[in-house]
């Protein structure tokens, strides 16, 4: 790679949704439904972390993800608002999808570590990221690391992040911390790496993250509550911030009583008027009728809504 200025490509800040992926009756990803949901999310002020955990990304092939990405860009979605997940267990898959994202003009990529083999060393993880960077070979590449040990069981140490930043200061742009551990997020923020963006992985930590110099949040519930989460990001210095944080936590707590992906899709299905949205790809299962009714009754009784979604989906 040639040297480039870290300011040449802008870095993300704000709220991004790991966009849930719709499937048709044949369990193929539905590009049109995905496009309409992305347009609605953008209209609510948030960016698009397509192919994240809650996108069922690891149930999608590289070809499926590349095809969806190409369709979104061809349909007018601004690639600079997209941070697609490109991490994979296979180095070649990660490099191929990352290269595709760069060629599409995406503002950055979100990269899981290779997660199948457990107990791998920092040296091994460093080689993985370094190989992807060198194989893509683009000054436009911006990688946001994805730390989610509760799911991946493979984490990214502060020592490893520091090593990657020293080797690739223009490319390693930030991190999504889905550890669920505020002390860990705080340690990342306290490292004060230059122009390194720290995103919490749940809006439950958004106010504290912003108060300590963070860049924002990449959260599952931004799929259904984007405007409210974005509002706290923009108003975290105001007198209403604590009350806003409380309201965000309350909604998240109601949703996470259920398997999150199935719950999010049930909510989107209801408010879009499109029951096909409830489909998930095996091995995941949709909510049962009783669970779905209880969840939706709970939300409706609290006055929850997704304004503008039904009209957009009907187009």
C-alpha atoms as a PDB file:
ATOM      1  CA  UNK A   1       0.000   0.000   0.000  1.00  0.00           C
ATOM      2  CA  UNK A   2       1.099   3.514  -0.652  1.00  0.00           C
ATOM      3  CA  UNK A   3       1.098   6.174   2.023  1.00  0.00           C
ATOM      4  CA  UNK A   4      -1.989   8.321   2.298  1.00  0.00           C
ATOM      5  CA  UNK A   5      -3.386  10.935   4.627  1.00  0.00           C
ATOM      6  CA  UNK A   6      -5.800   9.715   7.278  1.00  0.00           C
ATOM      7  CA  UNK A   7      -7.962  12.722   6.432  1.00  0.00           C
ATOM      8  CA  UNK A   8      -8.331  11.681   2.791  1.00  0.00           C
ATOM      9  CA  UNK A   9     -11.340   9.476   3.634  1.00  0.00           C
ATOM     10  CA  UNK A  10     -13.762  10.748   6.261  1.00  0.00           C
ATOM     11  CA  UNK A  11     -14.482   8.529   9.251  1.00  0.00           C
ATOM     12  CA  UNK A  12     -17.825   7.492  10.639  1.00  0.00           C
ATOM     13  CA  UNK A  13     -19.527   9.091  13.606  1.00  0.00           C
ATOM     14  CA  UNK A  14     -23.074   8.782  14.845  1.00  0.00           C
ATOM     15  CA  UNK A  15     -25.538   5.908  14.856  1.00  0.00           C
ATOM     16  CA  UNK A  16     -25.492   2.938  12.505  1.00  0.00           C
ATOM     17  CA  UNK A  17     -27.948   0.053  12.242  1.00  0.00           C
ATOM     18  CA  UNK A  18     -26.733  -3.495  11.576  1.00  0.00           C
ATOM     19  CA  UNK A  19     -29.514  -3.825   9.025  1.00  0.00           C
ATOM     20  CA  UNK A  20     -31.712  -6.899   9.362  1.00  0.00           C
ATOM     21  CA  UNK A  21     -31.738  -8.972   6.182  1.00  0.00           C
ATOM     22  CA  UNK A  22     -35.120  -9.933   4.697  1.00  0.00           C
ATOM     23  CA  UNK A  23     -35.641 -13.367   3.189  1.00  0.00           C
ATOM     24  CA  UNK A  24     -38.218 -14.579   0.699  1.00  0.00           C
ATOM     25  CA  UNK A  25     -40.264 -17.775   1.040  1.00  0.00           C
ATOM     26  CA  UNK A  26     -37.340 -19.691  -0.509  1.00  0.00           C
ATOM     27  CA  UNK A  27     -34.986 -18.192   2.127  1.00  0.00           C
ATOM     28  CA  UNK A  28     -33.086 -16.231  -0.529  1.00  0.00           C
ATOM     29  CA  UNK A  29     -32.186 -12.683   0.561  1.00  0.00           C
ATOM     30  CA  UNK A  30     -34.717 -10.166  -0.729  1.00  0.00           C
ATOM     31  CA  UNK A  31     -32.888  -7.206  -2.229  1.00  0.00           C
ATOM     32  CA  UNK A  32     -35.968  -5.030  -2.719  1.00  0.00           C
ATOM     33  CA  UNK A  33     -37.154  -5.329   0.867  1.00  0.00           C
ATOM     34  CA  UNK A  34     -33.610  -4.639   2.061  1.00  0.00           C
ATOM     35  CA  UNK A  35     -33.402  -1.549  -0.139  1.00  0.00           C
ATOM     36  CA  UNK A  36     -36.649  -0.122   1.231  1.00  0.00           C
ATOM     37  CA  UNK A  37     -35.608  -0.735   4.838  1.00  0.00           C
ATOM     38  CA  UNK A  38     -32.234   0.924   4.185  1.00  0.00           C
ATOM     39  CA  UNK A  39     -33.980   3.950   2.688  1.00  0.00           C
ATOM     40  CA  UNK A  40     -36.222   4.230   5.734  1.00  0.00           C
ATOM     41  CA  UNK A  41     -33.256   3.970   8.112  1.00  0.00           C
ATOM     42  CA  UNK A  42     -31.403   6.708   6.233  1.00  0.00           C
ATOM     43  CA  UNK A  43     -34.510   8.889   6.418  1.00  0.00           C
ATOM     44  CA  UNK A  44     -34.365   8.470  10.203  1.00  0.00           C
ATOM     45  CA  UNK A  45     -30.805   9.803  10.363  1.00  0.00           C
ATOM     46  CA  UNK A  46     -28.729   6.654  10.846  1.00  0.00           C
ATOM     47  CA  UNK A  47     -26.080   4.905   8.776  1.00  0.00           C
ATOM     48  CA  UNK A  48     -26.071   1.333   7.526  1.00  0.00           C
ATOM     49  CA  UNK A  49     -23.879  -1.425   8.970  1.00  0.00           C
ATOM     50  CA  UNK A  50     -25.205  -4.029   6.549  1.00  0.00           C
ATOM     51  CA  UNK A  51     -24.011  -7.606   7.138  1.00  0.00           C
ATOM     52  CA  UNK A  52     -23.606  -7.212  10.876  1.00  0.00           C
ATOM     53  CA  UNK A  53     -24.482  -9.773  13.527  1.00  0.00           C
ATOM     54  CA  UNK A  54     -28.167  -8.878  13.483  1.00  0.00           C
ATOM     55  CA  UNK A  55     -28.105  -9.004   9.681  1.00  0.00           C
ATOM     56  CA  UNK A  56     -27.537 -12.778   9.933  1.00  0.00           C
ATOM     57  CA  UNK A  57     -24.338 -12.063   8.032  1.00  0.00           C
ATOM     58  CA  UNK A  58     -22.709 -15.360   8.864  1.00  0.00           C
ATOM     59  CA  UNK A  59     -25.699 -17.150   7.360  1.00  0.00           C
ATOM     60  CA  UNK A  60     -25.050 -15.397   4.038  1.00  0.00           C
ATOM     61  CA  UNK A  61     -22.489 -16.368   1.420  1.00  0.00           C
ATOM     62  CA  UNK A  62     -19.866 -13.971   0.079  1.00  0.00           C
ATOM     63  CA  UNK A  63     -21.686 -13.958  -3.245  1.00  0.00           C
ATOM     64  CA  UNK A  64     -25.013 -13.099  -1.647  1.00  0.00           C
ATOM     65  CA  UNK A  65     -23.500 -10.234   0.328  1.00  0.00           C
ATOM     66  CA  UNK A  66     -21.628  -8.867  -2.681  1.00  0.00           C
ATOM     67  CA  UNK A  67     -24.800  -9.004  -4.782  1.00  0.00           C
ATOM     68  CA  UNK A  68     -26.848  -7.189  -2.146  1.00  0.00           C
ATOM     69  CA  UNK A  69     -24.165  -4.533  -1.753  1.00  0.00           C
ATOM     70  CA  UNK A  70     -24.026  -3.939  -5.496  1.00  0.00           C
ATOM     71  CA  UNK A  71     -27.810  -3.671  -5.657  1.00  0.00           C
ATOM     72  CA  UNK A  72     -27.971  -1.107  -2.846  1.00  0.00           C
ATOM     73  CA  UNK A  73     -25.352   1.093  -4.494  1.00  0.00           C
ATOM     74  CA  UNK A  74     -26.904   0.726  -7.953  1.00  0.00           C
ATOM     75  CA  UNK A  75     -30.267   1.746  -6.450  1.00  0.00           C
ATOM     76  CA  UNK A  76     -28.888   5.020  -5.148  1.00  0.00           C
ATOM     77  CA  UNK A  77     -27.918   4.232  -1.558  1.00  0.00           C
ATOM     78  CA  UNK A  78     -24.936   6.431  -0.703  1.00  0.00           C
ATOM     79  CA  UNK A  79     -22.010   4.013  -0.170  1.00  0.00           C
ATOM     80  CA  UNK A  80     -20.347   6.519   2.156  1.00  0.00           C
ATOM     81  CA  UNK A  81     -23.220   5.864   4.596  1.00  0.00           C
ATOM     82  CA  UNK A  82     -22.475   2.130   4.589  1.00  0.00           C
ATOM     83  CA  UNK A  83     -20.120   0.129   6.813  1.00  0.00           C
ATOM     84  CA  UNK A  84     -20.650  -3.465   5.611  1.00  0.00           C
ATOM     85  CA  UNK A  85     -19.440  -6.358   7.718  1.00  0.00           C
ATOM     86  CA  UNK A  86     -16.669  -8.147   5.838  1.00  0.00           C
ATOM     87  CA  UNK A  87     -14.971 -10.301   8.475  1.00  0.00           C
ATOM     88  CA  UNK A  88     -14.981 -14.051   7.856  1.00  0.00           C
ATOM     89  CA  UNK A  89     -13.305 -17.187   9.085  1.00  0.00           C
ATOM     90  CA  UNK A  90     -11.647 -17.673   5.706  1.00  0.00           C
ATOM     91  CA  UNK A  91      -9.003 -15.068   4.935  1.00  0.00           C
ATOM     92  CA  UNK A  92      -9.810 -15.178   1.222  1.00  0.00           C
ATOM     93  CA  UNK A  93     -13.525 -14.567   1.865  1.00  0.00           C
ATOM     94  CA  UNK A  94     -12.729 -11.576   4.062  1.00  0.00           C
ATOM     95  CA  UNK A  95     -10.362 -10.121   1.478  1.00  0.00           C
ATOM     96  CA  UNK A  96     -12.816 -10.650  -1.388  1.00  0.00           C
ATOM     97  CA  UNK A  97     -15.761  -9.002   0.360  1.00  0.00           C
ATOM     98  CA  UNK A  98     -13.611  -6.166   1.707  1.00  0.00           C
ATOM     99  CA  UNK A  99     -12.302  -5.505  -1.802  1.00  0.00           C
ATOM    100  CA  UNK A 100     -15.890  -5.453  -3.083  1.00  0.00           C
ATOM    101  CA  UNK A 101     -16.869  -2.907  -0.427  1.00  0.00           C
ATOM    102  CA  UNK A 102     -13.943  -0.654  -1.367  1.00  0.00           C
ATOM    103  CA  UNK A 103     -14.791  -0.922  -5.062  1.00  0.00           C
ATOM    104  CA  UNK A 104     -18.397   0.036  -4.255  1.00  0.00           C
ATOM    105  CA  UNK A 105     -17.094   3.159  -2.497  1.00  0.00           C
ATOM    106  CA  UNK A 106     -18.208   2.241   1.030  1.00  0.00           C
ATOM    107  CA  UNK A 107     -17.102   4.586   3.795  1.00  0.00           C
ATOM    108  CA  UNK A 108     -15.582   1.707   5.739  1.00  0.00           C
ATOM    109  CA  UNK A 109     -15.956  -1.946   6.660  1.00  0.00           C
ATOM    110  CA  UNK A 110     -16.693  -3.643   9.968  1.00  0.00           C
ATOM    111  CA  UNK A 111     -14.428  -6.649  10.449  1.00  0.00           C
ATOM    112  CA  UNK A 112     -14.957  -9.534  12.813  1.00  0.00           C
ATOM    113  CA  UNK A 113     -11.849 -11.546  13.643  1.00  0.00           C
ATOM    114  CA  UNK A 114     -11.758 -15.120  12.308  1.00  0.00           C
ATOM    115  CA  UNK A 115     -13.816 -16.787  15.019  1.00  0.00           C
ATOM    116  CA  UNK A 116     -13.945 -20.546  14.442  1.00  0.00           C
ATOM    117  CA  UNK A 117     -10.595 -21.418  16.008  1.00  0.00           C
ATOM    118  CA  UNK A 118     -10.498 -20.456  19.657  1.00  0.00           C
ATOM    119  CA  UNK A 119      -7.491 -19.473  21.748  1.00  0.00           C
ATOM    120  CA  UNK A 120      -5.629 -17.974  18.797  1.00  0.00           C
ATOM    121  CA  UNK A 121      -2.748 -15.602  19.486  1.00  0.00           C
ATOM    122  CA  UNK A 122      -2.496 -11.877  18.896  1.00  0.00           C
ATOM    123  CA  UNK A 123       0.211 -12.700  16.355  1.00  0.00           C
ATOM    124  CA  UNK A 124      -2.255 -14.829  14.399  1.00  0.00           C
ATOM    125  CA  UNK A 125      -4.956 -12.185  14.517  1.00  0.00           C
ATOM    126  CA  UNK A 126      -2.486  -9.513  13.465  1.00  0.00           C
ATOM    127  CA  UNK A 127      -1.474 -11.605  10.447  1.00  0.00           C
ATOM    128  CA  UNK A 128      -5.144 -12.033   9.488  1.00  0.00           C
ATOM    129  CA  UNK A 129      -5.900  -8.304   9.451  1.00  0.00           C
ATOM    130  CA  UNK A 130      -2.558  -7.446   7.861  1.00  0.00           C
ATOM    131  CA  UNK A 131      -3.109  -9.985   5.071  1.00  0.00           C
ATOM    132  CA  UNK A 132      -6.568  -8.582   4.300  1.00  0.00           C
ATOM    133  CA  UNK A 133      -5.202  -5.032   4.215  1.00  0.00           C
ATOM    134  CA  UNK A 134      -2.308  -5.954   1.937  1.00  0.00           C
ATOM    135  CA  UNK A 135      -4.443  -8.093  -0.381  1.00  0.00           C
ATOM    136  CA  UNK A 136      -7.026  -5.338  -0.816  1.00  0.00           C
ATOM    137  CA  UNK A 137      -4.187  -2.857  -1.309  1.00  0.00           C
ATOM    138  CA  UNK A 138      -6.274   0.305  -1.336  1.00  0.00           C
ATOM    139  CA  UNK A 139      -5.643   3.654   0.327  1.00  0.00           C
ATOM    140  CA  UNK A 140      -9.425   4.072   0.470  1.00  0.00           C
ATOM    141  CA  UNK A 141      -9.876   1.136   2.868  1.00  0.00           C
ATOM    142  CA  UNK A 142     -11.046   2.022   6.373  1.00  0.00           C
ATOM    143  CA  UNK A 143     -11.442  -0.877   8.806  1.00  0.00           C
ATOM    144  CA  UNK A 144     -13.553  -0.689  11.941  1.00  0.00           C
ATOM    145  CA  UNK A 145     -12.629  -3.627  14.132  1.00  0.00           C
ATOM    146  CA  UNK A 146     -15.467  -5.665  15.632  1.00  0.00           C
ATOM    147  CA  UNK A 147     -14.974  -6.873  19.207  1.00  0.00           C
ATOM    148  CA  UNK A 148     -17.807  -9.208  20.243  1.00  0.00           C
ATOM    149  CA  UNK A 149     -16.365 -11.933  22.493  1.00  0.00           C
ATOM    150  CA  UNK A 150     -19.758 -12.981  23.937  1.00  0.00           C
ATOM    151  CA  UNK A 151     -20.600 -14.328  20.463  1.00  0.00           C
ATOM    152  CA  UNK A 152     -17.318 -14.823  18.603  1.00  0.00           C
ATOM    153  CA  UNK A 153     -15.391 -16.084  21.647  1.00  0.00           C
ATOM    154  CA  UNK A 154     -12.367 -14.440  20.004  1.00  0.00           C
ATOM    155  CA  UNK A 155     -11.563 -10.946  21.191  1.00  0.00           C
ATOM    156  CA  UNK A 156      -9.282  -8.131  20.129  1.00  0.00           C
ATOM    157  CA  UNK A 157      -6.858  -7.036  22.818  1.00  0.00           C
ATOM    158  CA  UNK A 158      -5.800  -3.437  23.339  1.00  0.00           C
ATOM    159  CA  UNK A 159      -2.234  -4.537  22.659  1.00  0.00           C
ATOM    160  CA  UNK A 160      -3.299  -5.972  19.280  1.00  0.00           C
ATOM    161  CA  UNK A 161      -5.241  -2.839  18.356  1.00  0.00           C
ATOM    162  CA  UNK A 162      -2.233  -0.689  19.213  1.00  0.00           C
ATOM    163  CA  UNK A 163       0.003  -2.868  17.037  1.00  0.00           C
ATOM    164  CA  UNK A 164      -2.396  -2.638  14.087  1.00  0.00           C
ATOM    165  CA  UNK A 165      -2.628   1.125  14.468  1.00  0.00           C
ATOM    166  CA  UNK A 166       1.126   1.499  14.466  1.00  0.00           C
ATOM    167  CA  UNK A 167       1.395  -0.533  11.255  1.00  0.00           C
ATOM    168  CA  UNK A 168      -1.706   0.803   9.480  1.00  0.00           C
ATOM    169  CA  UNK A 169      -2.660   4.163  11.043  1.00  0.00           C
ATOM    170  CA  UNK A 170      -4.664   5.314   8.029  1.00  0.00           C
ATOM    171  CA  UNK A 171      -6.540   2.034   7.581  1.00  0.00           C
ATOM    172  CA  UNK A 172      -7.519   1.019  11.119  1.00  0.00           C
ATOM    173  CA  UNK A 173     -10.202   3.634  11.708  1.00  0.00           C
ATOM    174  CA  UNK A 174     -12.084   2.498  14.792  1.00  0.00           C
ATOM    175  CA  UNK A 175     -13.858  -0.266  16.654  1.00  0.00           C
ATOM    176  CA  UNK A 176     -17.314  -1.473  17.588  1.00  0.00           C
ATOM    177  CA  UNK A 177     -17.169  -2.745  21.158  1.00  0.00           C
ATOM    178  CA  UNK A 178     -19.920  -5.299  21.737  1.00  0.00           C
ATOM    179  CA  UNK A 179     -18.278  -6.762  24.815  1.00  0.00           C
ATOM    180  CA  UNK A 180     -21.187  -5.566  26.947  1.00  0.00           C
ATOM    181  CA  UNK A 181     -18.571  -4.437  29.466  1.00  0.00           C
ATOM    182  CA  UNK A 182     -18.464  -0.687  30.103  1.00  0.00           C
ATOM    183  CA  UNK A 183     -15.023  -0.972  31.729  1.00  0.00           C
ATOM    184  CA  UNK A 184     -13.654  -2.378  28.472  1.00  0.00           C
ATOM    185  CA  UNK A 185     -15.293   0.344  26.380  1.00  0.00           C
ATOM    186  CA  UNK A 186     -13.901   2.927  28.777  1.00  0.00           C
ATOM    187  CA  UNK A 187     -10.398   1.448  28.396  1.00  0.00           C
ATOM    188  CA  UNK A 188     -10.659   1.794  24.617  1.00  0.00           C
ATOM    189  CA  UNK A 189     -11.774   5.400  24.980  1.00  0.00           C
ATOM    190  CA  UNK A 190      -9.031   6.146  27.481  1.00  0.00           C
ATOM    191  CA  UNK A 191      -6.373   4.859  25.060  1.00  0.00           C
ATOM    192  CA  UNK A 192      -6.894   8.105  23.098  1.00  0.00           C
ATOM    193  CA  UNK A 193      -5.531   6.807  19.823  1.00  0.00           C
ATOM    194  CA  UNK A 194      -5.454   9.614  17.287  1.00  0.00           C
ATOM    195  CA  UNK A 195      -8.576   9.794  15.108  1.00  0.00           C
ATOM    196  CA  UNK A 196      -9.640   6.307  16.268  1.00  0.00           C
ATOM    197  CA  UNK A 197     -13.416   6.032  16.483  1.00  0.00           C
ATOM    198  CA  UNK A 198     -14.917   4.018  19.353  1.00  0.00           C
ATOM    199  CA  UNK A 199     -18.532   2.889  18.941  1.00  0.00           C
ATOM    200  CA  UNK A 200     -20.447   1.115  21.676  1.00  0.00           C
ATOM    201  CA  UNK A 201     -22.399  -1.935  20.579  1.00  0.00           C
ATOM    202  CA  UNK A 202     -25.556  -1.086  22.523  1.00  0.00           C
ATOM    203  CA  UNK A 203     -27.351   2.207  22.988  1.00  0.00           C
ATOM    204  CA  UNK A 204     -27.471   1.362  26.703  1.00  0.00           C
ATOM    205  CA  UNK A 205     -23.903   2.727  26.771  1.00  0.00           C
ATOM    206  CA  UNK A 206     -24.452   5.619  24.355  1.00  0.00           C
ATOM    207  CA  UNK A 207     -24.574   8.525  26.786  1.00  0.00           C
ATOM    208  CA  UNK A 208     -21.510   7.358  28.704  1.00  0.00           C
ATOM    209  CA  UNK A 209     -19.669   6.678  25.458  1.00  0.00           C
ATOM    210  CA  UNK A 210     -20.306  10.199  24.205  1.00  0.00           C
ATOM    211  CA  UNK A 211     -19.368  11.735  27.562  1.00  0.00           C
ATOM    212  CA  UNK A 212     -15.970  10.030  27.336  1.00  0.00           C
ATOM    213  CA  UNK A 213     -15.148  11.004  23.763  1.00  0.00           C
ATOM    214  CA  UNK A 214     -16.745   8.202  21.782  1.00  0.00           C
ATOM    215  CA  UNK A 215     -17.979   8.368  18.193  1.00  0.00           C
ATOM    216  CA  UNK A 216     -21.446   6.864  18.531  1.00  0.00           C
ATOM    217  CA  UNK A 217     -23.183   3.513  18.537  1.00  0.00           C
ATOM    218  CA  UNK A 218     -23.794   0.564  16.211  1.00  0.00           C
ATOM    219  CA  UNK A 219     -26.849  -1.094  17.702  1.00  0.00           C
ATOM    220  CA  UNK A 220     -29.345  -3.796  16.751  1.00  0.00           C
ATOM    221  CA  UNK A 221     -32.303  -1.762  17.961  1.00  0.00           C
ATOM    222  CA  UNK A 222     -31.418   1.060  15.576  1.00  0.00           C
ATOM    223  CA  UNK A 223     -33.352  -1.103  13.098  1.00  0.00           C
ATOM    224  CA  UNK A 224     -36.612  -0.221  14.854  1.00  0.00           C
ATOM    225  CA  UNK A 225     -35.859   2.836  17.023  1.00  0.00           C
ATOM    226  CA  UNK A 226     -33.373   4.795  14.908  1.00  0.00           C
ATOM    227  CA  UNK A 227     -34.597   8.364  15.337  1.00  0.00           C
ATOM    228  CA  UNK A 228     -34.671   8.212  19.135  1.00  0.00           C
ATOM    229  CA  UNK A 229     -31.166   6.765  19.335  1.00  0.00           C
ATOM    230  CA  UNK A 230     -29.902   9.350  16.865  1.00  0.00           C
ATOM    231  CA  UNK A 231     -31.557  12.089  18.906  1.00  0.00           C
ATOM    232  CA  UNK A 232     -29.576  11.154  22.023  1.00  0.00           C
ATOM    233  CA  UNK A 233     -26.382  11.085  19.956  1.00  0.00           C
ATOM    234  CA  UNK A 234     -27.095  14.642  18.846  1.00  0.00           C
ATOM    235  CA  UNK A 235     -28.410  15.890  22.204  1.00  0.00           C
ATOM    236  CA  UNK A 236     -26.157  14.110  24.690  1.00  0.00           C
ATOM    237  CA  UNK A 237     -25.031  17.424  26.162  1.00  0.00           C
ATOM    238  CA  UNK A 238     -28.590  18.617  26.881  1.00  0.00           C
ATOM    239  CA  UNK A 239     -30.613  18.474  30.091  1.00  0.00           C
ATOM    240  CA  UNK A 240     -32.899  15.796  28.591  1.00  0.00           C
ATOM    241  CA  UNK A 241     -30.072  13.325  27.905  1.00  0.00           C
ATOM    242  CA  UNK A 242     -30.582  11.206  31.033  1.00  0.00           C
ATOM    243  CA  UNK A 243     -34.305  10.878  30.352  1.00  0.00           C
ATOM    244  CA  UNK A 244     -33.606   9.968  26.723  1.00  0.00           C
ATOM    245  CA  UNK A 245     -31.125   7.313  27.814  1.00  0.00           C
ATOM    246  CA  UNK A 246     -33.681   5.862  30.235  1.00  0.00           C
ATOM    247  CA  UNK A 247     -36.282   5.611  27.466  1.00  0.00           C
ATOM    248  CA  UNK A 248     -33.821   3.908  25.106  1.00  0.00           C
ATOM    249  CA  UNK A 249     -32.880   1.406  27.808  1.00  0.00           C
ATOM    250  CA  UNK A 250     -36.533   0.651  28.521  1.00  0.00           C
ATOM    251  CA  UNK A 251     -37.289  -0.221  24.901  1.00  0.00           C
ATOM    252  CA  UNK A 252     -34.141  -2.292  24.536  1.00  0.00           C
ATOM    253  CA  UNK A 253     -34.979  -4.229  27.690  1.00  0.00           C
ATOM    254  CA  UNK A 254     -38.410  -5.047  26.286  1.00  0.00           C
ATOM    255  CA  UNK A 255     -36.891  -6.357  23.055  1.00  0.00           C
ATOM    256  CA  UNK A 256     -34.036  -8.363  24.518  1.00  0.00           C
ATOM    257  CA  UNK A 257     -36.387 -10.564  26.500  1.00  0.00           C
ATOM    258  CA  UNK A 258     -36.630 -12.431  23.184  1.00  0.00           C
ATOM    259  CA  UNK A 259     -34.077 -13.695  20.637  1.00  0.00           C
ATOM    260  CA  UNK A 260     -33.022 -10.319  19.256  1.00  0.00           C
ATOM    261  CA  UNK A 261     -32.968 -11.011  15.518  1.00  0.00           C
ATOM    262  CA  UNK A 262     -36.359 -12.726  15.527  1.00  0.00           C
ATOM    263  CA  UNK A 263     -37.784  -9.968  17.723  1.00  0.00           C
ATOM    264  CA  UNK A 264     -36.537  -7.177  15.466  1.00  0.00           C
ATOM    265  CA  UNK A 265     -37.932  -8.876  12.394  1.00  0.00           C
ATOM    266  CA  UNK A 266     -41.299  -9.402  14.065  1.00  0.00           C
ATOM    267  CA  UNK A 267     -41.450  -5.698  14.869  1.00  0.00           C
ATOM    268  CA  UNK A 268     -40.483  -4.703  11.314  1.00  0.00           C
ATOM    269  CA  UNK A 269     -43.037  -7.170   9.931  1.00  0.00           C
ATOM    270  CA  UNK A 270     -45.804  -5.636  12.038  1.00  0.00           C
ATOM    271  CA  UNK A 271     -45.100  -1.981  11.390  1.00  0.00           C
ATOM    272  CA  UNK A 272     -44.379  -2.480   7.688  1.00  0.00           C
ATOM    273  CA  UNK A 273     -47.528  -4.546   7.223  1.00  0.00           C
ATOM    274  CA  UNK A 274     -45.389  -7.228   5.558  1.00  0.00           C
ATOM    275  CA  UNK A 275     -45.418 -10.585   7.398  1.00  0.00           C
ATOM    276  CA  UNK A 276     -42.632 -11.978   5.190  1.00  0.00           C
ATOM    277  CA  UNK A 277     -40.191  -9.794   7.176  1.00  0.00           C
ATOM    278  CA  UNK A 278     -40.504 -12.222  10.092  1.00  0.00           C
ATOM    279  CA  UNK A 279     -38.548 -14.904   8.202  1.00  0.00           C
ATOM    280  CA  UNK A 280     -35.114 -15.866   9.502  1.00  0.00           C
ATOM    281  CA  UNK A 281     -32.605 -18.270   8.012  1.00  0.00           C
ATOM    282  CA  UNK A 282     -31.976 -21.583   9.773  1.00  0.00           C
ATOM    283  CA  UNK A 283     -30.612 -22.420  12.242  1.00  0.00           C
ATOM    284  CA  UNK A 284     -32.460 -19.388  13.671  1.00  0.00           C
ATOM    285  CA  UNK A 285     -36.190 -19.624  14.252  1.00  0.00           C
ATOM    286  CA  UNK A 286     -38.853 -16.908  14.167  1.00  0.00           C
ATOM    287  CA  UNK A 287     -40.782 -15.979  17.274  1.00  0.00           C
ATOM    288  CA  UNK A 288     -43.718 -18.213  18.059  1.00  0.00           C
ATOM    289  CA  UNK A 289     -47.233 -16.783  17.854  1.00  0.00           C
ATOM    290  CA  UNK A 290     -47.484 -16.294  21.618  1.00  0.00           C
ATOM    291  CA  UNK A 291     -44.087 -14.602  21.878  1.00  0.00           C
ATOM    292  CA  UNK A 292     -44.824 -12.317  18.935  1.00  0.00           C
ATOM    293  CA  UNK A 293     -48.211 -11.285  20.326  1.00  0.00           C
ATOM    294  CA  UNK A 294     -46.800 -10.597  23.777  1.00  0.00           C
ATOM    295  CA  UNK A 295     -43.937  -8.520  22.385  1.00  0.00           C
ATOM    296  CA  UNK A 296     -46.116  -6.460  20.057  1.00  0.00           C
ATOM    297  CA  UNK A 297     -48.798  -5.901  22.710  1.00  0.00           C
ATOM    298  CA  UNK A 298     -46.089  -4.696  25.076  1.00  0.00           C
ATOM    299  CA  UNK A 299     -44.715  -2.225  22.530  1.00  0.00           C
ATOM    300  CA  UNK A 300     -48.116  -0.990  21.362  1.00  0.00           C
ATOM    301  CA  UNK A 301     -49.282  -0.441  24.934  1.00  0.00           C
ATOM    302  CA  UNK A 302     -46.265   1.851  25.375  1.00  0.00           C
ATOM    303  CA  UNK A 303     -47.190   3.829  22.268  1.00  0.00           C
ATOM    304  CA  UNK A 304     -44.234   2.585  20.214  1.00  0.00           C
ATOM    305  CA  UNK A 305     -44.339   3.273  16.477  1.00  0.00           C
ATOM    306  CA  UNK A 306     -42.105   3.219  13.390  1.00  0.00           C
ATOM    307  CA  UNK A 307     -43.442   6.271  11.524  1.00  0.00           C
ATOM    308  CA  UNK A 308     -43.230   6.209   7.761  1.00  0.00           C
ATOM    309  CA  UNK A 309     -42.195   2.568   7.487  1.00  0.00           C
ATOM    310  CA  UNK A 310     -45.444   1.118   6.134  1.00  0.00           C
ATOM    311  CA  UNK A 311     -45.776   3.723   3.397  1.00  0.00           C
ATOM    312  CA  UNK A 312     -42.185   3.265   2.288  1.00  0.00           C
ATOM    313  CA  UNK A 313     -42.442  -0.517   2.204  1.00  0.00           C
ATOM    314  CA  UNK A 314     -45.606  -0.282   0.116  1.00  0.00           C
ATOM    315  CA  UNK A 315     -43.862   1.600  -2.686  1.00  0.00           C
END
